[in-house]
Every structure is written in structure tokens, then in C-alpha cells.
Amino acid sequence: MLYNSWEATGFAVSEAGQARLAERAAQLGVECFVVDDGWFAGRSHDRAGLGDWRPDPAKFPRGLTPLIERVTALGMGFGLWVEPEMVNPDSDLYRAHPDWVYHFANRARTQWRHQLVLNLARPDVAEWVYATLDRLLSEHDIRFVKWDMNRPLSEPGWPSEAGRNPERAWTEHVRHLYAILDGLRAAHPGTDFESCSGGGGRADLGILGRAAQVWTSDNTDAWDRVAIQEGFTQAYPAQVMAAWVTDSPNGLTGRRLALSFRFHVAMAGALGIGGDLLRWDPAELDEAARLVASYKQIRPVVQRGSLYRIASLRAGDPLAASEYLDADGVQVVVLGWWGPGQCGSRLFRLRLAGLDPAGRYRDEDTGAEHRGAALMNVGLPLPGGPDFGSALIRLSRC
């Protein structure tokens, strides 16, 4: 259960600022504190620094170790963002090795996000990437790596291999990527990796054999995420679906949503927090701590149980809802979400699935008992409420 600093600080990363965020995160029950983009040399904006994977001396004059030690003392693991396949032209790496990027000899090199793509098909580039990250992980106690890739390939040329099947770059890049990740995981078994690519652009089964989870989408608006996460879980399990609680109003859409709604949406996957905790008031922090504790109780069922999609906005239902059932059929978790003017004040019934018809199920919060047959055929009563409402229901078979 991680906290990520990106939406709180952007590129304005500092040892003191990250430490303050870490203290707030620990109070909420966060288990891993992740410093996102902006920590490495020359990285005060998105036009420089990619490729120079060492702590920025202006931001971390004592290196990363003091911050890592503070995070560890607070009871959390430490995580770090990297984008190893990319390079900014304004970087020491590119100035030393301009030939290391994909390019054609007689064409301009197209920059997207002010960056170019390293030719990972080259053995020397792949060796450099592995050695650089291995050194970073060996010198620091890093338990989580967010591996990003924010742009696609363009001008995928390999001039030095002209006439020797340079098109093999498409496959060799991936083979080397997998070999690097395999090697890092073997050398650093205590480190987990997250795959990120402009959101969920790299969520294939090959990468999921090497990454604990994937960053589902850069859109963290909780209402938009209801549909995004329903689509994602058509193919992938909730366990690998990174989902953050961010600030309100949302930085992308400007939508204002209750903290409980934002949490209930993110609880449908691998819960994370990405808001600016230094701006949350005491009441929000207290509520967030309670919701984090609730998530830790339901996490085994949500992440490893069977998922039943019991209501869907795409199917025309007035709300969306997911049911999670553990392997023994004993623990049941139901998460439901509705938007503007969908449920109003009327009662809606959620028909559950996968239960024992003859069994009795107790609501962990109200104490009410229900027959399995009734829950599956008549449904679980779910009172409506204001626009953008949500519900978390926990049942246990008696």
C-alpha cells in the first residue's frame, strides 16, 4: 500500500519536503513511500536529466540515504521512479553517447516530451542500463521501482547495423528489457517493480511476469476510473491494478469528489495514495487512516479473490458494483459507486453471485444476516444517496 509523491510535488523534490510527506503517509498506515520524477541530476523540469540516474546534489546534498533511513524508521519501504529506456538531449548521457538512441542517419530526431528513446537493442546500451540500475539498487535500500516509459518509438533506426537486419531492434529491445528486469529481480529479490507507460500502455503478460503491478492510467479522477477499472479487470486481476486516491478537485478534470468515494474506487485494486497530504486537513487525515485500515482488512479478498461484476454502467445499470469472494467462499466484499442523478433516494438491490444458497451471511458493520439464496436472487438492499456516492459492504458466512 504505497504513497507516491508526484501529484504533491511534481519536479519540486527536496529531502525535507519528501520527509514531511513521508511522516504524513506513515500516520495513515502507508507501507511504501515512493519518490517520483524529479529526484535525479539536472531534473528541475521535463527537458533535462533523463539518463543521469544519480541523486541531484542540489536537492539531495547528502544523497538519498538520509531520506531512505527516515522513511525506513517510519516503518515504510522506500520506492523510486525511473525511466531507464529514455534520455533527454540535455543530459550527460546523451552528450557522451548521441549514437545510443534510435535514429536514422539522414533524418531529424523527433522529440516527444523533450526526450528520445535509447536503443535498448544494442548490447552495450542494455549492459549500461542494467549496470546503472544495479548500482542504484545496490547502494540504496530500495524496495519498489516504478519503471516508466512515457513515449513510443519514432525513427526506429539503427544506422550502425545497416544491411544486417536492423529491424530486429523491435524484438531485441524487448528481449533485453526482459533480461534486465530478470537480472535485477534475481540480484535484488526484495525489490518489487511496477510497469508504467503513459498510464497502462505496457500491461502485457510478458511484463506482468516481471512486474508486481501496472500503473493503470494517468487519469486519477475517481469517477472516470470506475469505467477505466471495469475495462482493465476484464483482462487482468485486481491485484496488479494500481489505483490512487488523489486530491479534490482532481488536477486533470477539476471534478470534486468526497474522500470516501475516491477511496472506495481505489480500493477495487492495489490501493495507493497520490494526493498532497500536507494540504489535507486533520479530519481528512483521520478519515483516510480509517479507510486505509479498512482496506487492509479487505485487501486479501479484493486482490486474490474471485471478482463478480454485479452491476455495470455499461450495461445500463444505475450504478457500478463489484463483488469479491475469497477462495473458501467465506469472506465477501462489495464495492459500489454511482454518479450524478443515478440512484437518487430510491433503493437499489445488488444481486450477489457465487454464494452458498443455504448459507447465512452476516454484515460485518450492521450485524444483519442474510440467506445466500436471498442475496443472489432478491439482492442486497443498497440505499441511494447524493450524487457521486459509494458503498463498502463486508459480509462473512456464518
Protein backbone atom coordinates (compact mmCIF):
# COMPACT_ATOMS: atom_id res chain seq x y z
CA MET A 1 0.00 0.00 0.00
CA LEU A 2 2.04 2.89 -1.31
CA TYR A 3 2.20 6.65 -1.36
CA ASN A 4 3.59 8.40 -4.45
CA SER A 5 4.81 11.99 -4.31
CA TRP A 6 4.28 13.06 -7.94
CA GLU A 7 0.99 14.92 -7.72
CA ALA A 8 2.06 16.57 -4.47
CA THR A 9 5.43 17.93 -5.57
CA GLY A 10 5.98 17.48 -9.30
CA PHE A 11 9.61 18.30 -10.03
CA ALA A 12 9.97 20.36 -6.83
CA VAL A 13 11.55 17.47 -4.95
CA SER A 14 13.70 18.00 -1.87
CA GLU A 15 14.88 15.88 1.02
CA ALA A 16 12.97 17.98 3.57
CA GLY A 17 9.75 18.10 1.54
CA GLN A 18 9.72 14.37 0.89
CA ALA A 19 10.41 13.68 4.57
CA ARG A 20 7.38 15.76 5.59
CA LEU A 21 5.19 13.84 3.16
CA ALA A 22 6.61 10.56 4.45
CA GLU A 23 5.67 11.45 8.02
CA ARG A 24 2.07 12.11 6.99
CA ALA A 25 1.95 8.95 4.89
CA ALA A 26 3.19 6.82 7.78
CA GLN A 27 0.44 8.21 10.01
CA LEU A 28 -2.13 6.91 7.52
CA GLY A 29 -0.72 3.37 7.54
CA VAL A 30 1.13 3.55 4.21
CA GLU A 31 3.59 0.69 3.71
CA CYS A 32 5.83 2.06 0.93
CA PHE A 33 6.82 5.68 0.19
CA VAL A 34 7.73 6.33 -3.45
CA VAL A 35 9.64 9.38 -4.68
CA ASP A 36 8.57 10.02 -8.27
CA ASP A 37 10.19 12.05 -11.05
CA GLY A 38 12.48 14.95 -10.15
CA TRP A 39 15.00 13.31 -7.80
CA PHE A 40 17.95 12.87 -10.20
CA ALA A 41 20.66 15.13 -11.58
CA GLY A 42 19.51 18.14 -13.58
CA ARG A 43 15.82 17.27 -13.26
CA SER A 44 14.02 20.52 -12.44
CA HIS A 45 11.71 20.19 -15.46
CA ASP A 46 10.94 17.63 -18.17
CA ARG A 47 13.56 18.93 -20.63
CA ALA A 48 16.70 17.65 -18.91
CA GLY A 49 18.23 14.90 -16.81
CA LEU A 50 16.78 11.65 -18.16
CA GLY A 51 19.67 9.20 -18.33
CA ASP A 52 21.64 10.70 -15.44
CA TRP A 53 20.41 8.36 -12.72
CA ARG A 54 22.15 9.77 -9.67
CA PRO A 55 20.67 11.96 -6.92
CA ASP A 56 20.57 15.65 -7.76
CA PRO A 57 23.16 17.25 -5.45
CA ALA A 58 21.10 20.45 -5.23
CA LYS A 59 18.05 18.53 -3.96
CA PHE A 60 19.82 15.79 -2.05
CA PRO A 61 23.17 17.22 -0.96
CA ARG A 62 23.62 14.22 1.36
CA GLY A 63 22.40 11.73 -1.25
CA LEU A 64 19.29 9.59 -0.92
CA THR A 65 20.44 7.66 2.14
CA PRO A 66 19.19 10.10 4.85
CA LEU A 67 15.71 10.18 3.31
CA ILE A 68 15.66 6.40 2.91
CA GLU A 69 16.70 5.99 6.54
CA ARG A 70 13.93 8.36 7.65
CA VAL A 71 11.32 6.50 5.59
CA THR A 72 12.53 3.17 6.96
CA ALA A 73 12.45 4.49 10.54
CA LEU A 74 8.80 5.44 9.96
CA GLY A 75 8.05 1.78 9.18
CA MET A 76 7.79 2.05 5.40
CA GLY A 77 9.75 0.72 2.48
CA PHE A 78 11.33 3.22 0.08
CA GLY A 79 10.49 3.40 -3.62
CA LEU A 80 11.82 5.35 -6.59
CA TRP A 81 10.68 6.35 -10.09
CA VAL A 82 12.90 5.72 -13.11
CA GLU A 83 12.52 5.85 -16.89
CA PRO A 84 15.57 3.83 -17.98
CA GLU A 85 14.74 3.48 -21.68
CA MET A 86 14.64 7.25 -22.22
CA VAL A 87 17.14 10.09 -22.45
CA ASN A 88 16.91 13.88 -22.70
CA PRO A 89 19.26 15.51 -25.21
CA ASP A 90 20.14 17.81 -22.32
CA SER A 91 21.88 15.13 -20.26
CA ASP A 92 25.39 13.91 -19.63
CA LEU A 93 24.46 10.51 -21.07
CA TYR A 94 23.30 11.89 -24.43
CA ARG A 95 26.26 14.25 -24.74
CA ALA A 96 28.56 11.27 -24.25
CA HIS A 97 26.63 8.81 -26.44
CA PRO A 98 24.40 10.54 -29.03
CA ASP A 99 24.53 7.38 -31.13
CA TRP A 100 22.77 5.35 -28.40
CA VAL A 101 19.27 6.48 -29.39
CA TYR A 102 17.03 5.17 -32.15
CA HIS A 103 17.55 7.34 -35.23
CA PHE A 104 18.05 7.33 -38.98
CA ALA A 105 21.28 8.81 -40.29
CA ASN A 106 19.63 11.39 -42.57
CA ARG A 107 16.56 12.33 -40.54
CA ALA A 108 15.95 14.69 -37.67
CA ARG A 109 15.46 13.03 -34.29
CA THR A 110 11.89 13.63 -33.19
CA GLN A 111 11.49 14.52 -29.55
CA TRP A 112 8.30 13.78 -27.63
CA ARG A 113 8.17 15.14 -24.10
CA HIS A 114 11.65 16.52 -24.86
CA GLN A 115 13.08 13.01 -24.87
CA LEU A 116 14.45 10.32 -27.16
CA VAL A 117 14.40 6.52 -26.85
CA LEU A 118 17.55 4.62 -26.04
CA ASN A 119 18.32 1.79 -28.47
CA LEU A 120 17.97 -1.00 -25.94
CA ALA A 121 18.51 -3.50 -28.75
CA ARG A 122 22.21 -2.58 -28.60
CA PRO A 123 24.04 -4.90 -26.18
CA ASP A 124 26.23 -2.05 -24.89
CA VAL A 125 23.16 0.08 -24.09
CA ALA A 126 21.43 -2.84 -22.38
CA GLU A 127 24.55 -3.52 -20.33
CA TRP A 128 24.75 0.13 -19.31
CA VAL A 129 21.09 0.21 -18.23
CA TYR A 130 21.49 -2.93 -16.15
CA ALA A 131 24.74 -1.76 -14.54
CA THR A 132 23.30 1.67 -13.74
CA LEU A 133 20.17 0.32 -12.06
CA ASP A 134 22.03 -2.48 -10.34
CA ARG A 135 24.38 0.08 -8.80
CA LEU A 136 21.44 2.28 -7.75
CA LEU A 137 19.70 -0.66 -6.05
CA SER A 138 22.93 -1.98 -4.52
CA GLU A 139 23.87 1.35 -2.98
CA HIS A 140 20.40 2.09 -1.58
CA ASP A 141 17.68 0.16 0.26
CA ILE A 142 15.04 0.50 -2.46
CA ARG A 143 12.05 -1.81 -2.15
CA PHE A 144 9.90 -0.54 -5.04
CA VAL A 145 10.77 0.70 -8.53
CA LYS A 146 8.23 2.48 -10.72
CA TRP A 147 9.58 1.74 -14.22
CA ASP A 148 8.12 4.26 -16.63
CA MET A 149 8.16 4.60 -20.43
CA ASN A 150 6.40 7.77 -21.49
CA ARG A 151 6.73 7.84 -25.26
CA PRO A 152 6.62 5.43 -28.21
CA LEU A 153 9.38 4.85 -30.69
CA SER A 154 9.90 7.09 -33.70
CA GLU A 155 12.67 6.92 -36.32
CA PRO A 156 13.43 3.36 -35.10
CA GLY A 157 16.68 3.20 -36.98
CA TRP A 158 19.98 1.56 -36.12
CA PRO A 159 22.50 3.05 -38.58
CA SER A 160 25.48 1.01 -37.44
CA GLU A 161 23.56 -2.17 -38.30
CA ALA A 162 22.50 -1.11 -41.81
CA GLY A 163 22.40 -4.18 -44.03
CA ARG A 164 22.42 -6.56 -41.06
CA ASN A 165 18.71 -6.71 -40.31
CA PRO A 166 18.38 -3.58 -38.15
CA GLU A 167 14.65 -4.29 -37.93
CA ARG A 168 15.48 -6.86 -35.26
CA ALA A 169 15.56 -3.86 -32.90
CA TRP A 170 11.82 -4.38 -32.39
CA THR A 171 12.38 -7.78 -30.81
CA GLU A 172 15.84 -7.28 -29.33
CA HIS A 173 14.65 -4.23 -27.39
CA VAL A 174 12.01 -6.33 -25.63
CA ARG A 175 14.35 -9.29 -25.08
CA HIS A 176 16.92 -7.03 -23.46
CA LEU A 177 14.26 -5.28 -21.38
CA TYR A 178 13.11 -8.64 -20.02
CA ALA A 179 16.70 -9.75 -19.40
CA ILE A 180 17.43 -6.55 -17.46
CA LEU A 181 14.34 -6.97 -15.30
CA ASP A 182 15.05 -10.66 -14.75
CA GLY A 183 18.61 -9.87 -13.72
CA LEU A 184 17.59 -7.08 -11.36
CA ARG A 185 14.91 -9.20 -9.73
CA ALA A 186 17.38 -12.05 -9.21
CA ALA A 187 20.04 -9.72 -7.78
CA HIS A 188 17.57 -7.75 -5.63
CA PRO A 189 14.78 -10.15 -4.60
CA GLY A 190 13.41 -7.70 -2.02
CA THR A 191 12.54 -5.12 -4.69
CA ASP A 192 9.19 -5.02 -6.49
CA PHE A 193 8.68 -3.40 -9.89
CA GLU A 194 5.72 -1.51 -11.30
CA SER A 195 5.23 -1.16 -15.06
CA CYS A 196 4.13 2.28 -16.19
CA SER A 197 3.87 3.57 -19.74
CA GLY A 198 1.96 6.81 -20.09
CA GLY A 199 -0.56 5.04 -17.92
CA GLY A 200 -1.38 1.44 -18.80
CA GLY A 201 0.44 1.31 -22.13
CA ARG A 202 2.58 -1.65 -21.13
CA ALA A 203 0.33 -4.17 -19.39
CA ASP A 204 1.02 -7.29 -21.46
CA LEU A 205 1.54 -10.73 -19.96
CA GLY A 206 5.28 -10.59 -20.65
CA ILE A 207 5.81 -7.58 -18.44
CA LEU A 208 3.40 -8.95 -15.82
CA GLY A 209 5.72 -11.91 -15.43
CA ARG A 210 8.24 -9.39 -14.13
CA ALA A 211 6.22 -6.57 -12.53
CA ALA A 212 4.11 -6.81 -9.41
CA GLN A 213 1.58 -4.30 -10.74
CA VAL A 214 0.93 -1.82 -13.53
CA TRP A 215 0.01 1.83 -13.41
CA THR A 216 -3.45 1.68 -14.91
CA SER A 217 -3.93 5.22 -16.21
CA ASP A 218 -2.65 8.75 -15.72
CA ASN A 219 -6.29 9.74 -15.24
CA THR A 220 -6.83 9.56 -11.48
CA ASP A 221 -10.31 11.13 -11.46
CA ALA A 222 -12.25 8.61 -9.37
CA TRP A 223 -15.45 8.80 -11.41
CA ASP A 224 -13.57 8.26 -14.67
CA ARG A 225 -11.69 5.41 -13.01
CA VAL A 226 -14.90 3.47 -12.42
CA ALA A 227 -15.13 2.78 -16.17
CA ILE A 228 -11.34 2.52 -16.65
CA GLN A 229 -11.02 -0.07 -13.90
CA GLU A 230 -14.00 -2.07 -15.12
CA GLY A 231 -12.35 -2.32 -18.52
CA PHE A 232 -8.96 -3.20 -17.06
CA THR A 233 -10.36 -6.02 -14.93
CA GLN A 234 -11.95 -7.64 -17.98
CA ALA A 235 -8.43 -8.88 -18.73
CA TYR A 236 -6.33 -8.51 -15.60
CA PRO A 237 -6.74 -9.26 -11.88
CA ALA A 238 -7.36 -6.53 -9.32
CA GLN A 239 -4.06 -7.43 -7.64
CA VAL A 240 -2.00 -5.82 -10.43
CA MET A 241 -4.22 -2.74 -10.91
CA ALA A 242 -2.55 0.25 -9.26
CA ALA A 243 -5.21 2.74 -8.11
CA TRP A 244 -4.53 6.03 -6.35
CA VAL A 245 -6.50 8.38 -4.16
CA THR A 246 -5.63 11.90 -5.30
CA ASP A 247 -6.75 15.41 -4.43
CA SER A 248 -10.11 17.09 -4.94
CA PRO A 249 -10.66 18.91 -7.20
CA ASN A 250 -8.88 16.49 -9.49
CA GLY A 251 -5.90 18.03 -11.24
CA LEU A 252 -6.93 16.64 -14.64
CA THR A 253 -10.73 17.06 -14.70
CA GLY A 254 -11.38 19.59 -11.94
CA ARG A 255 -14.09 17.31 -10.52
CA ARG A 256 -14.77 17.45 -6.77
CA LEU A 257 -15.45 14.12 -5.09
CA ALA A 258 -15.74 13.03 -1.46
CA LEU A 259 -12.69 11.40 0.10
CA SER A 260 -14.66 8.22 0.85
CA PHE A 261 -15.73 7.97 -2.82
CA ARG A 262 -12.14 8.36 -4.00
CA PHE A 263 -11.00 5.68 -1.57
CA HIS A 264 -13.80 3.25 -2.40
CA VAL A 265 -12.90 3.44 -6.10
CA ALA A 266 -9.19 2.90 -5.45
CA MET A 267 -9.95 0.03 -3.05
CA ALA A 268 -11.02 -2.01 -6.09
CA GLY A 269 -7.37 -2.65 -6.92
CA ALA A 270 -3.93 -2.16 -5.37
CA LEU A 271 -4.64 0.92 -3.27
CA GLY A 272 -2.24 3.83 -3.33
CA ILE A 273 -2.35 7.50 -2.34
CA GLY A 274 -1.06 10.31 -4.51
CA GLY A 275 -2.53 13.49 -3.06
CA ASP A 276 -0.71 16.33 -1.34
CA LEU A 277 -1.02 15.15 2.25
CA LEU A 278 0.43 18.42 3.54
CA ARG A 279 -2.79 20.10 2.37
CA TRP A 280 -5.22 17.56 3.83
CA ASP A 281 -6.90 18.83 6.99
CA PRO A 282 -7.00 16.80 10.24
CA ALA A 283 -10.47 15.45 9.53
CA GLU A 284 -9.40 14.20 6.10
CA LEU A 285 -6.27 12.61 7.54
CA ASP A 286 -8.30 10.83 10.23
CA GLU A 287 -10.83 9.58 7.68
CA ALA A 288 -8.04 8.45 5.36
CA ALA A 289 -6.39 6.47 8.16
CA ARG A 290 -9.67 4.68 8.89
CA LEU A 291 -10.17 3.89 5.21
CA VAL A 292 -6.61 2.58 4.87
CA ALA A 293 -7.23 0.30 7.86
CA SER A 294 -10.46 -0.94 6.24
CA TYR A 295 -8.63 -1.64 3.01
CA LYS A 296 -6.01 -3.71 4.76
CA GLN A 297 -8.83 -5.86 6.16
CA ILE A 298 -10.41 -6.47 2.76
CA ARG A 299 -7.18 -6.50 0.71
CA PRO A 300 -6.72 -10.32 0.65
CA VAL A 301 -10.23 -10.77 -0.70
CA VAL A 302 -10.07 -7.93 -3.25
CA GLN A 303 -6.62 -8.77 -4.58
CA ARG A 304 -6.78 -12.58 -4.55
CA GLY A 305 -10.47 -13.44 -4.55
CA SER A 306 -12.87 -14.10 -7.41
CA LEU A 307 -14.34 -10.97 -8.99
CA TYR A 308 -18.02 -10.78 -9.92
CA ARG A 309 -19.18 -7.67 -11.77
CA ILE A 310 -22.68 -7.43 -10.31
CA ALA A 311 -23.65 -4.03 -11.73
CA SER A 312 -22.27 -2.10 -14.67
CA LEU A 313 -22.91 1.35 -16.05
CA ARG A 314 -22.05 -0.04 -19.48
CA ALA A 315 -24.92 -2.49 -19.13
CA GLY A 316 -27.34 0.31 -18.27
CA ASP A 317 -27.46 -0.21 -14.52
CA PRO A 318 -27.87 2.93 -12.38
CA LEU A 319 -24.58 2.19 -10.61
CA ALA A 320 -21.43 0.11 -10.90
CA ALA A 321 -20.58 -2.57 -8.36
CA SER A 322 -18.06 -5.35 -7.91
CA GLU A 323 -18.19 -8.34 -5.59
CA TYR A 324 -15.08 -10.15 -4.38
CA LEU A 325 -15.29 -13.65 -2.89
CA ASP A 326 -12.42 -15.42 -1.18
CA ALA A 327 -11.32 -18.93 -2.17
CA ASP A 328 -13.20 -20.53 0.72
CA GLY A 329 -16.43 -18.70 -0.05
CA VAL A 330 -16.47 -17.22 3.47
CA GLN A 331 -15.45 -13.58 3.06
CA VAL A 332 -17.42 -11.31 0.71
CA VAL A 333 -16.58 -7.71 -0.18
CA VAL A 334 -18.91 -5.48 -2.20
CA LEU A 335 -17.90 -2.09 -3.58
CA GLY A 336 -20.48 0.10 -5.31
CA TRP A 337 -20.32 3.53 -6.93
CA TRP A 338 -22.93 5.80 -8.50
CA GLY A 339 -22.70 9.13 -10.27
CA PRO A 340 -24.85 12.21 -10.79
CA GLY A 341 -28.60 11.63 -10.56
CA GLN A 342 -28.30 7.86 -10.89
CA CYS A 343 -29.68 6.42 -7.69
CA GLY A 344 -31.29 9.41 -6.06
CA SER A 345 -33.03 8.37 -2.86
CA ARG A 346 -34.53 5.15 -4.18
CA LEU A 347 -33.49 1.69 -3.11
CA PHE A 348 -31.36 -0.42 -5.41
CA ARG A 349 -30.75 -4.14 -4.95
CA LEU A 350 -27.45 -5.76 -5.79
CA ARG A 351 -27.81 -9.42 -6.66
CA LEU A 352 -24.67 -11.14 -5.48
CA ALA A 353 -23.07 -14.22 -7.04
CA GLY A 354 -21.09 -17.31 -6.11
CA LEU A 355 -22.59 -17.73 -2.62
CA ASP A 356 -23.88 -20.82 -0.84
CA PRO A 357 -27.68 -20.64 -1.31
CA ALA A 358 -28.27 -22.34 2.03
CA GLY A 359 -25.62 -20.35 3.88
CA ARG A 360 -26.18 -17.39 6.16
CA TYR A 361 -24.08 -14.25 5.68
CA ARG A 362 -23.53 -11.62 8.33
CA ASP A 363 -22.92 -7.94 7.57
CA GLU A 364 -19.72 -7.06 9.45
CA ASP A 365 -20.81 -3.47 10.03
CA THR A 366 -24.56 -3.72 10.78
CA GLY A 367 -24.78 -7.28 12.12
CA ALA A 368 -27.70 -8.05 9.79
CA GLU A 369 -27.90 -11.64 8.49
CA HIS A 370 -28.97 -12.72 5.02
CA ARG A 371 -29.55 -16.06 3.35
CA GLY A 372 -27.29 -16.77 0.41
CA ALA A 373 -30.28 -17.55 -1.81
CA ALA A 374 -31.87 -14.21 -0.92
CA LEU A 375 -28.68 -12.29 -1.61
CA MET A 376 -28.34 -13.90 -5.04
CA ASN A 377 -31.99 -13.72 -6.11
CA VAL A 378 -33.61 -10.83 -4.25
CA GLY A 379 -30.45 -8.85 -3.75
CA LEU A 380 -28.65 -6.82 -1.13
CA PRO A 381 -30.50 -3.57 -0.43
CA LEU A 382 -28.34 -0.58 -1.20
CA PRO A 383 -29.86 2.78 -0.37
CA GLY A 384 -29.12 5.52 -2.83
CA GLY A 385 -27.78 8.87 -1.83
CA PRO A 386 -26.32 12.10 -3.14
CA ASP A 387 -24.56 12.43 -6.47
CA PHE A 388 -21.29 10.53 -6.62
CA GLY A 389 -21.97 8.21 -3.73
CA SER A 390 -20.33 4.92 -2.85
CA ALA A 391 -20.62 1.95 -0.52
CA LEU A 392 -18.35 -0.67 1.01
CA ILE A 393 -20.09 -3.77 2.36
CA ARG A 394 -18.34 -6.69 4.10
CA LEU A 395 -20.11 -10.00 4.62
CA SER A 396 -18.96 -13.21 6.29
CA ARG A 397 -20.58 -16.62 6.01
CA CYS A 398 -21.77 -17.62 9.47
